[in-house]
């Protein structure tokens, strides 16, 4: 199987933007990655026949975990609780 991740902004490269819940307008940019916080970009170009910029795995019949890293550049943002929705697409 091949797993793709799509931030709420629809980016196929795994580059998203967080929104604050406290009413401020800051939108910190982030990048989804696999393997480590400096690992390969994890985006949403995986298909049923190609891993693209996703992550691959082999089904075993049991639950499997995959770790996702989100990196943010060093920047000065207002204190808040930030969030985004990422859609997980599993292609097999």
N, C-alpha and C. Protein backbone atom coordinates (compact mmCIF):
# COMPACT_ATOMS: atom_id res chain seq x y z
N UNK A 1 0.83 -1.18 0.00
CA UNK A 1 0.00 0.00 0.00
C UNK A 1 0.88 1.24 0.00
N UNK A 2 0.29 2.35 -0.43
CA UNK A 2 0.97 3.63 -0.48
C UNK A 2 0.10 4.67 0.23
N UNK A 3 0.71 5.45 1.12
CA UNK A 3 -0.03 6.42 1.93
C UNK A 3 0.36 7.83 1.50
N UNK A 4 -0.64 8.65 1.21
CA UNK A 4 -0.43 10.07 0.93
C UNK A 4 -1.08 10.91 2.00
N UNK A 5 -0.50 12.09 2.26
CA UNK A 5 -1.04 13.02 3.26
C UNK A 5 -1.35 14.35 2.58
N UNK A 6 -2.55 14.87 2.81
CA UNK A 6 -2.99 16.13 2.20
C UNK A 6 -3.44 17.11 3.27
N UNK A 7 -2.67 18.20 3.49
CA UNK A 7 -3.13 19.25 4.40
C UNK A 7 -4.43 19.88 3.89
N UNK A 8 -5.11 20.61 4.74
CA UNK A 8 -6.41 21.18 4.38
C UNK A 8 -6.34 22.18 3.23
N UNK A 9 -5.15 22.71 2.94
CA UNK A 9 -5.03 23.65 1.82
C UNK A 9 -4.93 22.93 0.48
N UNK A 10 -4.95 21.60 0.47
CA UNK A 10 -4.93 20.82 -0.77
C UNK A 10 -3.55 20.62 -1.36
N UNK A 11 -2.50 21.01 -0.67
CA UNK A 11 -1.15 20.88 -1.19
C UNK A 11 -0.79 19.41 -1.43
N UNK A 12 -0.27 19.10 -2.60
CA UNK A 12 0.17 17.73 -2.88
C UNK A 12 1.60 17.50 -2.42
N UNK A 13 2.26 18.57 -1.94
CA UNK A 13 3.65 18.45 -1.48
C UNK A 13 3.75 18.34 0.04
N UNK A 14 2.62 18.27 0.74
CA UNK A 14 2.63 18.15 2.20
C UNK A 14 2.94 19.45 2.92
N UNK A 15 2.88 20.58 2.20
CA UNK A 15 3.12 21.90 2.80
C UNK A 15 1.78 22.49 3.21
N UNK A 16 1.60 22.70 4.50
CA UNK A 16 0.33 23.21 5.00
C UNK A 16 0.49 24.50 5.77
N UNK A 17 -0.61 25.00 6.29
CA UNK A 17 -0.61 26.22 7.10
C UNK A 17 -1.53 25.99 8.30
N UNK A 18 -1.04 26.34 9.46
CA UNK A 18 -1.82 26.22 10.69
C UNK A 18 -2.66 27.47 10.88
N UNK A 19 -3.80 27.32 11.52
CA UNK A 19 -4.62 28.48 11.88
C UNK A 19 -4.79 28.49 13.38
N UNK A 20 -4.80 29.69 13.93
CA UNK A 20 -4.96 29.85 15.37
C UNK A 20 -6.42 29.72 15.78
N UNK A 21 -6.64 29.25 16.99
CA UNK A 21 -8.00 29.12 17.49
C UNK A 21 -8.39 30.31 18.35
N UNK A 22 -7.43 31.20 18.63
CA UNK A 22 -7.70 32.33 19.50
C UNK A 22 -8.04 33.61 18.77
N UNK A 23 -8.30 33.54 17.47
CA UNK A 23 -8.73 34.71 16.74
C UNK A 23 -7.62 35.52 16.09
N UNK A 24 -6.35 35.14 16.27
CA UNK A 24 -5.31 35.91 15.58
C UNK A 24 -5.20 35.45 14.12
N UNK A 25 -4.51 36.23 13.30
CA UNK A 25 -4.44 35.93 11.87
C UNK A 25 -3.14 35.25 11.45
N UNK A 26 -2.27 34.93 12.39
CA UNK A 26 -1.04 34.22 12.06
C UNK A 26 -1.38 32.87 11.44
N UNK A 27 -0.63 32.46 10.42
CA UNK A 27 -0.79 31.15 9.80
C UNK A 27 0.58 30.52 9.59
N UNK A 28 1.16 29.94 10.64
CA UNK A 28 2.48 29.33 10.51
C UNK A 28 2.48 28.22 9.45
N UNK A 29 3.46 28.29 8.55
CA UNK A 29 3.61 27.27 7.51
C UNK A 29 4.32 26.06 8.10
N UNK A 30 3.93 24.86 7.65
CA UNK A 30 4.60 23.65 8.10
C UNK A 30 4.80 22.70 6.93
N UNK A 31 5.68 21.73 7.12
CA UNK A 31 5.97 20.72 6.11
C UNK A 31 5.86 19.34 6.74
N UNK A 32 5.08 18.45 6.12
CA UNK A 32 4.97 17.08 6.59
C UNK A 32 6.16 16.27 6.07
N UNK A 33 6.72 15.42 6.94
CA UNK A 33 7.90 14.62 6.58
C UNK A 33 7.77 13.21 7.15
N UNK A 34 8.51 12.29 6.55
CA UNK A 34 8.54 10.91 7.03
C UNK A 34 9.95 10.57 7.50
N UNK A 35 10.06 9.59 8.39
CA UNK A 35 11.37 9.11 8.84
C UNK A 35 11.97 9.90 9.98
N UNK A 36 11.97 11.22 9.88
CA UNK A 36 12.51 12.08 10.92
C UNK A 36 12.09 13.52 10.60
N UNK A 37 12.42 14.43 11.49
CA UNK A 37 12.05 15.82 11.26
C UNK A 37 12.84 16.44 10.11
N UNK A 38 13.89 15.78 9.65
CA UNK A 38 14.63 16.26 8.48
C UNK A 38 14.54 15.25 7.33
N UNK A 39 13.61 14.31 7.44
CA UNK A 39 13.43 13.26 6.44
C UNK A 39 12.74 13.75 5.18
N UNK A 40 12.43 12.82 4.29
CA UNK A 40 11.80 13.19 3.02
C UNK A 40 10.42 13.82 3.21
N UNK A 41 10.08 14.71 2.29
CA UNK A 41 8.75 15.33 2.26
C UNK A 41 7.71 14.23 2.11
N UNK A 42 6.60 14.34 2.84
CA UNK A 42 5.50 13.38 2.73
C UNK A 42 4.29 14.14 2.21
N UNK A 43 3.97 13.91 0.96
CA UNK A 43 2.86 14.60 0.32
C UNK A 43 1.76 13.65 -0.12
N UNK A 44 1.03 14.05 -1.15
CA UNK A 44 -0.15 13.30 -1.55
C UNK A 44 -0.16 12.96 -3.04
N UNK A 45 0.99 12.51 -3.57
CA UNK A 45 1.00 12.09 -4.97
C UNK A 45 1.00 10.57 -5.11
N UNK A 46 0.85 9.84 -4.00
CA UNK A 46 0.78 8.38 -4.06
C UNK A 46 -0.50 7.94 -4.77
N UNK A 47 -0.39 6.85 -5.53
CA UNK A 47 -1.54 6.25 -6.20
C UNK A 47 -1.58 4.76 -5.86
N UNK A 48 -2.47 4.03 -6.45
CA UNK A 48 -2.54 2.58 -6.21
C UNK A 48 -1.34 1.85 -6.80
N UNK A 49 -0.63 2.49 -7.75
CA UNK A 49 0.49 1.81 -8.41
C UNK A 49 1.83 2.50 -8.21
N UNK A 50 1.86 3.65 -7.52
CA UNK A 50 3.11 4.40 -7.35
C UNK A 50 3.14 5.08 -5.99
N UNK A 51 4.30 5.04 -5.33
CA UNK A 51 4.43 5.67 -4.02
C UNK A 51 4.48 7.19 -4.12
N UNK A 52 4.92 7.74 -5.27
CA UNK A 52 5.00 9.19 -5.41
C UNK A 52 5.83 9.79 -4.28
N UNK A 53 5.33 10.85 -3.65
CA UNK A 53 6.02 11.42 -2.50
C UNK A 53 5.36 10.97 -1.19
N UNK A 54 4.73 9.80 -1.25
CA UNK A 54 4.10 9.21 -0.07
C UNK A 54 5.02 8.22 0.62
N UNK A 55 4.43 7.33 1.39
CA UNK A 55 5.15 6.30 2.13
C UNK A 55 4.53 4.96 1.78
N UNK A 56 5.36 3.93 1.65
CA UNK A 56 4.85 2.61 1.30
C UNK A 56 4.89 1.67 2.50
N UNK A 57 4.13 0.61 2.41
CA UNK A 57 4.13 -0.42 3.43
C UNK A 57 3.56 -1.70 2.85
N UNK A 58 3.65 -2.78 3.61
CA UNK A 58 3.10 -4.07 3.20
C UNK A 58 2.10 -4.51 4.25
N UNK A 59 0.90 -4.82 3.81
CA UNK A 59 -0.14 -5.25 4.74
C UNK A 59 0.20 -6.58 5.39
N UNK A 60 -0.17 -6.71 6.67
CA UNK A 60 0.09 -7.95 7.42
C UNK A 60 -1.18 -8.52 8.02
N UNK A 61 -2.30 -7.79 7.90
CA UNK A 61 -3.53 -8.21 8.54
C UNK A 61 -3.69 -7.64 9.94
N UNK A 62 -2.66 -6.99 10.45
CA UNK A 62 -2.70 -6.36 11.77
C UNK A 62 -2.55 -4.85 11.62
N UNK A 63 -2.96 -4.12 12.63
CA UNK A 63 -2.82 -2.66 12.62
C UNK A 63 -1.34 -2.28 12.54
N UNK A 64 -1.05 -1.22 11.79
CA UNK A 64 0.31 -0.72 11.67
C UNK A 64 0.32 0.77 11.95
N UNK A 65 1.40 1.25 12.53
CA UNK A 65 1.55 2.67 12.82
C UNK A 65 2.59 3.28 11.90
N UNK A 66 2.35 4.51 11.49
CA UNK A 66 3.32 5.29 10.71
C UNK A 66 3.46 6.64 11.42
N UNK A 67 4.68 7.07 11.66
CA UNK A 67 4.92 8.34 12.32
C UNK A 67 5.06 9.45 11.29
N UNK A 68 4.39 10.56 11.55
CA UNK A 68 4.44 11.74 10.70
C UNK A 68 5.11 12.86 11.49
N UNK A 69 6.03 13.56 10.84
CA UNK A 69 6.69 14.71 11.45
C UNK A 69 6.22 15.97 10.74
N UNK A 70 5.94 17.00 11.51
CA UNK A 70 5.59 18.31 10.95
C UNK A 70 6.66 19.29 11.39
N UNK A 71 7.33 19.91 10.43
CA UNK A 71 8.39 20.86 10.75
C UNK A 71 7.92 22.27 10.43
N UNK A 72 8.31 23.20 11.28
CA UNK A 72 8.00 24.62 11.10
C UNK A 72 9.30 25.40 11.14
N UNK A 73 9.44 26.38 10.23
CA UNK A 73 10.65 27.20 10.31
C UNK A 73 10.62 28.05 11.57
N UNK A 74 11.78 28.44 12.02
CA UNK A 74 11.86 29.31 13.19
C UNK A 74 11.23 30.64 12.84
N UNK A 75 10.27 31.07 13.60
CA UNK A 75 9.59 32.33 13.32
C UNK A 75 8.95 32.85 14.60
N UNK A 76 8.49 34.07 14.55
CA UNK A 76 7.90 34.70 15.70
C UNK A 76 6.38 34.80 15.50
N UNK A 77 5.65 33.87 16.11
CA UNK A 77 4.19 33.85 16.00
C UNK A 77 3.58 34.16 17.35
N UNK A 78 2.38 34.72 17.33
CA UNK A 78 1.69 35.01 18.58
C UNK A 78 1.32 33.71 19.30
N UNK A 79 1.37 33.70 20.62
CA UNK A 79 0.95 32.51 21.37
C UNK A 79 -0.52 32.20 21.08
N UNK A 80 -0.82 30.96 20.85
CA UNK A 80 -2.18 30.52 20.52
C UNK A 80 -2.15 29.00 20.47
N UNK A 81 -3.30 28.41 20.28
CA UNK A 81 -3.40 27.00 19.95
C UNK A 81 -3.64 26.93 18.46
N UNK A 82 -2.71 26.30 17.74
CA UNK A 82 -2.78 26.22 16.28
C UNK A 82 -3.19 24.83 15.85
N UNK A 83 -3.89 24.74 14.72
CA UNK A 83 -4.35 23.43 14.24
C UNK A 83 -4.51 23.44 12.72
N UNK A 84 -4.59 22.24 12.17
CA UNK A 84 -4.92 22.03 10.77
C UNK A 84 -5.46 20.60 10.67
N UNK A 85 -6.15 20.31 9.60
CA UNK A 85 -6.65 18.96 9.35
C UNK A 85 -5.86 18.38 8.19
N UNK A 86 -5.34 17.17 8.39
CA UNK A 86 -4.59 16.47 7.35
C UNK A 86 -5.37 15.22 6.99
N UNK A 87 -5.65 15.04 5.70
CA UNK A 87 -6.36 13.85 5.22
C UNK A 87 -5.35 12.78 4.86
N UNK A 88 -5.59 11.57 5.36
CA UNK A 88 -4.72 10.42 5.07
C UNK A 88 -5.39 9.60 3.96
N UNK A 89 -4.66 9.40 2.87
CA UNK A 89 -5.17 8.60 1.75
C UNK A 89 -4.35 7.32 1.64
N UNK A 90 -5.02 6.17 1.79
CA UNK A 90 -4.34 4.88 1.67
C UNK A 90 -4.75 4.27 0.33
N UNK A 91 -3.77 4.02 -0.51
CA UNK A 91 -3.97 3.47 -1.85
C UNK A 91 -3.45 2.04 -1.88
N UNK A 92 -4.27 1.11 -2.37
CA UNK A 92 -3.82 -0.29 -2.46
C UNK A 92 -4.41 -0.96 -3.66
